[in-house]
Protein backbone atom coordinates (compact mmCIF):
# COMPACT_ATOMS: atom_id res chain seq x y z
CA UNK A 1 -20.73 -11.47 -4.15
CA UNK A 2 -19.95 -10.16 -0.40
CA UNK A 3 -16.79 -8.89 0.35
CA UNK A 4 -15.14 -8.62 3.89
CA UNK A 5 -11.98 -6.31 4.30
CA UNK A 6 -9.66 -6.64 7.33
CA UNK A 7 -7.01 -3.68 6.68
CA UNK A 8 -6.34 -0.99 9.62
CA UNK A 9 -5.26 1.84 6.98
CA UNK A 10 -7.92 3.37 5.68
CA UNK A 11 -6.84 4.70 2.72
CA UNK A 12 -6.02 1.33 1.26
CA UNK A 13 -9.27 0.04 2.38
CA UNK A 14 -11.09 3.02 0.64
CA UNK A 15 -8.72 2.26 -2.82
CA UNK A 16 -9.51 -1.77 -2.09
CA UNK A 17 -13.22 -1.34 -2.07
CA UNK A 18 -13.17 1.17 -5.20
CA UNK A 19 -11.31 -1.84 -7.51
CA UNK A 20 -13.58 -4.34 -6.45
CA UNK A 21 -16.82 -2.53 -7.18
CA UNK A 22 -15.34 -1.64 -10.52
CA UNK A 23 -14.25 -5.20 -11.15
CA UNK A 24 -17.54 -6.87 -9.84
CA UNK A 25 -20.48 -4.60 -10.20
CA UNK A 26 -22.68 -5.24 -7.51
CA UNK A 27 -20.51 -6.61 -5.01
CA UNK A 28 -21.12 -5.61 -1.17
CA UNK A 29 -19.03 -4.73 1.10
CA UNK A 30 -20.26 -6.43 4.37
CA UNK A 31 -17.69 -4.59 6.60
CA UNK A 32 -14.29 -2.95 7.10
CA UNK A 33 -12.30 -4.10 10.23
CA UNK A 34 -9.24 -3.13 11.69
CA UNK A 35 -8.31 -5.19 14.10
CA UNK A 36 -7.98 -9.13 15.15
CA UNK A 37 -9.91 -8.59 18.21
CA UNK A 38 -12.33 -6.70 15.88
CA UNK A 39 -12.29 -9.83 13.29
CA UNK A 40 -12.71 -12.51 15.46
CA UNK A 41 -16.12 -10.91 16.95
CA UNK A 42 -17.52 -10.14 13.75
CA UNK A 43 -16.86 -13.81 12.08
CA UNK A 44 -18.48 -15.07 15.34
CA UNK A 45 -21.96 -13.49 15.07
CA UNK A 46 -21.95 -12.67 11.31
CA UNK A 47 -22.77 -15.23 7.84
CA UNK A 48 -19.28 -15.72 6.33
CA UNK A 49 -18.72 -13.65 3.47
CA UNK A 50 -17.86 -15.36 -0.59
CA UNK A 51 -14.35 -13.63 0.09
CA UNK A 52 -12.39 -12.04 2.99
CA UNK A 53 -9.09 -9.91 2.28
CA UNK A 54 -6.53 -9.97 4.92
CA UNK A 55 -4.01 -7.38 5.70
CA UNK A 56 -1.48 -9.71 7.46
CA UNK A 57 0.11 -6.95 9.48
CA UNK A 58 -2.39 -5.28 11.87
CA UNK A 59 -2.36 -2.90 14.93
CA UNK A 60 -2.58 -5.72 17.34
CA UNK A 61 -0.66 -8.35 15.60
CA UNK A 62 -0.86 -10.74 12.18
CA UNK A 63 -4.13 -11.65 10.84
CA UNK A 64 -2.99 -15.66 10.88
CA UNK A 65 -4.06 -15.04 14.76
CA UNK A 66 -7.27 -14.75 13.51
CA UNK A 67 -7.31 -18.51 12.13
CA UNK A 68 -6.38 -19.83 15.83
CA UNK A 69 -9.66 -18.11 17.53
CA UNK A 70 -12.23 -18.47 14.94
CA UNK A 71 -13.49 -20.59 11.97
CA UNK A 72 -13.15 -18.67 8.99
CA UNK A 73 -15.34 -20.34 6.54
CA UNK A 74 -14.36 -18.50 3.24
CA UNK A 75 -11.46 -18.10 1.06
CA UNK A 76 -9.42 -15.73 1.73
CA UNK A 77 -6.89 -13.25 -0.03
CA UNK A 78 -3.78 -11.76 1.67
CA UNK A 79 -2.27 -8.81 1.14
CA UNK A 80 0.69 -7.84 2.63
CA UNK A 81 3.87 -5.07 1.62
CA UNK A 82 6.17 -8.13 2.38
CA UNK A 83 6.78 -10.99 0.88
CA UNK A 84 7.97 -13.36 3.81
CA UNK A 85 4.51 -14.70 4.66
CA UNK A 86 3.78 -16.34 1.44
CA UNK A 87 4.26 -19.94 2.86
CA UNK A 88 2.10 -19.41 6.05
CA UNK A 89 -0.35 -18.05 3.90
CA UNK A 90 -1.21 -21.20 1.95
CA UNK A 91 -1.51 -23.19 5.01
CA UNK A 92 -4.98 -21.56 6.18
CA UNK A 93 -7.68 -20.56 3.61
CA UNK A 94 -5.77 -18.52 1.12
CA UNK A 95 -5.94 -18.38 -2.52
CA UNK A 96 -4.09 -15.66 -3.68
CA UNK A 97 -1.12 -13.21 -2.05
CA UNK A 98 -1.25 -9.61 -3.16
CA UNK A 99 1.63 -7.24 -2.61
CA UNK A 100 0.85 -3.67 -1.52
CA UNK A 101 0.15 -1.49 -3.39
CA UNK A 102 -2.38 -3.85 -4.96
CA UNK A 103 -2.73 -3.34 -8.21
CA UNK A 104 -5.76 -3.83 -10.36
CA UNK A 105 -4.51 -6.43 -12.77
CA UNK A 106 -3.62 -8.65 -9.81
CA UNK A 107 -6.79 -8.28 -7.78
CA UNK A 108 -8.70 -9.46 -11.07
CA UNK A 109 -6.51 -12.30 -11.85
CA UNK A 110 -7.28 -13.12 -7.95
CA UNK A 111 -10.87 -12.84 -8.18
CA UNK A 112 -10.42 -15.12 -11.28
CA UNK A 113 -8.88 -17.71 -9.10
CA UNK A 114 -12.23 -18.39 -7.29
CA UNK A 115 -14.23 -19.64 -10.02
CA UNK A 116 -11.04 -21.89 -11.32
CA UNK A 117 -10.72 -23.42 -7.77
CA UNK A 118 -14.58 -23.99 -7.44
CA UNK A 119 -14.44 -25.99 -10.39
CA UNK A 120 -11.60 -28.13 -9.33
CA UNK A 121 -13.32 -28.67 -5.82
CA UNK A 122 -15.88 -30.14 -7.66
CA UNK A 123 -13.40 -32.65 -9.31
CA UNK A 124 -11.30 -34.39 -6.57
CA UNK A 125 -9.05 -33.46 -3.84
CA UNK A 126 -6.07 -34.66 -5.34
CA UNK A 127 -6.56 -32.13 -8.20
CA UNK A 128 -6.84 -29.29 -5.55
CA UNK A 129 -3.71 -30.10 -3.67
CA UNK A 130 -2.33 -29.67 -7.18
CA UNK A 131 -3.60 -26.66 -7.96
CA UNK A 132 -2.74 -25.04 -4.41
CA UNK A 133 0.80 -26.47 -4.96
CA UNK A 134 1.19 -24.69 -8.08
CA UNK A 135 -0.02 -21.67 -6.50
CA UNK A 136 2.24 -21.52 -3.78
CA UNK A 137 5.27 -22.28 -6.38
CA UNK A 138 4.27 -19.33 -8.25
CA UNK A 139 4.32 -17.04 -4.99
CA UNK A 140 7.30 -18.13 -3.90
CA UNK A 141 9.21 -17.47 -6.92
CA UNK A 142 10.50 -14.06 -7.66
CA UNK A 143 8.06 -12.04 -9.46
CA UNK A 144 9.28 -10.93 -13.01
CA UNK A 145 8.03 -7.19 -12.57
CA UNK A 146 8.97 -3.76 -13.67
CA UNK A 147 11.58 -2.26 -11.42
CA UNK A 148 10.14 -0.26 -9.22
CA UNK A 149 9.94 3.89 -10.20
CA UNK A 150 12.02 5.36 -7.18
CA UNK A 151 11.14 8.97 -6.87
CA UNK A 152 13.40 11.97 -5.67
CA UNK A 153 10.71 14.23 -4.81
CA UNK A 154 7.13 14.76 -3.94
CA UNK A 155 4.29 16.82 -4.72
CA UNK A 156 2.44 18.41 -1.67
CA UNK A 157 -1.00 20.31 -1.64
CA UNK A 158 -1.48 22.83 0.70
CA UNK A 159 -4.98 24.25 0.38
CA UNK A 160 -4.74 25.65 -3.32
CA UNK A 161 -1.16 25.29 -3.60
CA UNK A 162 1.18 22.73 -5.07
CA UNK A 163 4.60 22.96 -4.19
CA UNK A 164 7.62 19.84 -4.50
CA UNK A 165 9.78 18.86 -1.97
CA UNK A 166 13.37 17.00 -2.89
CA UNK A 167 14.06 13.82 -1.31
CA UNK A 168 17.36 15.50 0.30
CA UNK A 169 15.25 17.72 2.34
CA UNK A 170 12.81 14.27 4.01
CA UNK A 171 14.58 13.36 7.21
CA UNK A 172 11.64 10.56 7.45
CA UNK A 173 8.19 9.37 6.68
CA UNK A 174 5.67 8.85 9.63
CA UNK A 175 1.86 7.96 9.66
CA UNK A 176 -0.12 9.43 12.31
CA UNK A 177 -3.85 8.59 13.07
CA UNK A 178 -3.55 6.40 9.56
CA UNK A 179 -2.32 9.51 7.84
CA UNK A 180 1.07 9.77 6.10
CA UNK A 181 3.34 12.99 6.57
CA UNK A 182 7.11 13.88 5.63
CA UNK A 183 9.01 15.18 8.29
CA UNK A 184 11.54 17.76 6.51
CA UNK A 185 14.99 18.48 8.07
CA UNK A 186 13.97 21.82 8.78
CA UNK A 187 10.97 20.40 10.92
CA UNK A 188 8.09 20.95 8.65
CA UNK A 189 5.11 18.30 8.75
CA UNK A 190 3.68 18.08 5.50
CA UNK A 191 0.80 15.37 4.40
CA UNK A 192 1.28 12.86 1.95
CA UNK A 193 -1.85 11.21 -0.21
CA UNK A 194 -0.07 7.83 -0.10
CA UNK A 195 0.12 4.85 2.24
CA UNK A 196 3.44 3.76 4.50
CA UNK A 197 3.28 0.83 2.24
CA UNK A 198 3.08 2.78 -1.23
CA UNK A 199 5.32 5.33 0.30
CA UNK A 200 8.07 2.32 1.36
CA UNK A 201 8.13 1.00 -2.88
CA UNK A 202 9.03 4.55 -3.92
CA UNK A 203 12.27 4.87 -2.19
CA UNK A 204 15.85 4.08 -2.81
CA UNK A 205 16.30 1.34 0.12
CA UNK A 206 20.30 2.57 0.28
CA UNK A 207 18.67 5.73 2.14
CA UNK A 208 15.25 4.64 3.40
CA UNK A 209 14.60 1.99 5.86
CA UNK A 210 11.41 0.99 6.97
CA UNK A 211 11.94 0.96 10.57
CA UNK A 212 8.43 -0.20 12.21
CA UNK A 213 4.84 0.36 10.44
CA UNK A 214 4.75 4.11 11.44
CA UNK A 215 7.64 5.35 10.28
CA UNK A 216 10.07 4.99 7.09
CA UNK A 217 13.47 6.60 8.03
CA UNK A 218 16.32 8.33 5.64
CA UNK A 219 19.70 7.37 6.72
CA UNK A 220 21.15 10.86 7.79
CA UNK A 221 17.90 11.28 10.50
CA UNK A 222 19.34 8.28 12.51
CA UNK A 223 20.92 10.14 15.39
CA UNK A 224 21.28 7.36 17.62
CA UNK A 225 21.09 3.58 17.90
CA UNK A 226 20.72 1.91 21.41
CA UNK A 227 19.92 -1.49 22.36
CA UNK A 228 16.61 -2.26 23.83
CA UNK A 229 15.18 -5.14 25.68
CA UNK A 230 14.37 -8.69 23.84
CA UNK A 231 17.23 -7.88 21.21
CA UNK A 232 15.12 -5.02 19.82
CA UNK A 233 16.50 -1.44 18.82
CA UNK A 234 15.68 1.81 20.25
CA UNK A 235 16.61 4.49 17.67
CA UNK A 236 16.59 8.46 18.32
CA UNK A 237 16.10 10.49 15.13
CA UNK A 238 16.53 14.38 14.08
CA UNK A 239 14.62 16.05 13.81
CA UNK A 240 13.14 14.35 17.22
CA UNK A 241 10.09 12.28 16.60
CA UNK A 242 6.78 12.28 19.22
CA UNK A 243 7.00 8.72 20.24
CA UNK A 244 9.63 6.19 20.98
CA UNK A 245 11.45 4.92 17.96
CA UNK A 246 11.60 1.10 18.53
CA UNK A 247 12.81 -1.14 15.64
CA UNK A 248 11.38 -5.20 16.32
CA UNK A 249 13.72 -8.15 16.45
CA UNK A 250 12.81 -9.14 13.32
CA UNK A 251 13.99 -6.34 11.62
CA UNK A 252 16.71 -5.38 13.71
CA UNK A 253 19.40 -8.00 11.66
CA UNK A 254 18.27 -6.66 8.29
CA UNK A 255 18.68 -2.68 9.69
CA UNK A 256 21.94 -3.41 11.07
CA UNK A 257 22.97 -4.52 7.75
CA UNK A 258 21.50 -1.58 6.07
CA UNK A 259 23.09 0.77 8.24
CA UNK A 260 26.32 -0.49 7.65
CA UNK A 261 27.63 -2.89 10.34
């Protein structure tokens, strides 16, 4: 089988490619693309793969925008850190919707749906619609999953040295050039072997908030919150972050609740 990966986090793409090669021996990753623009161009100039895996939140927008610019002639499995896109996902070619970090068992089940849907497609359109409706209902119901393990420390590797950083020393987590880092209150920057999506699921939501794709901030690191244009928020962090810290209009209301409004 030929798989297309549309994912702008390199570590996530590598992990997904590895799981696919283990679950589908002999498969081919025909391309790994990182943006809407790159994906549209590729789909216009290459044969359709058997399945496309699409991260919903890309650097230049949501991957749903791809469908408005080019015909996607293959089934799609969406991957995302957020569950609010499920209904929108099933309005396009989606056959499944996987929350990050993607688990091997969930990926195996998603691949198994392909053969089942192919069988249904050969029966009746009504049967296909029923199956898709059932899938949509499953995706929008709360998942009965084990509670996440909340981390109270992170192991850091520097050369041949290993050491632990307690969560109390961490001001925020951030991504630079698609690599994740810890910023401590004493201004150290320490590299982590986790994606931001994976980190988001490891942290106590009462103490840490995902401000945007680039930063997960601890409550004690929030120095100032300023109103910004278009109902966004602009934050000052301590220690200071190198770029502007913007909370989108969509996340601003949730952030205010988290902050204690």
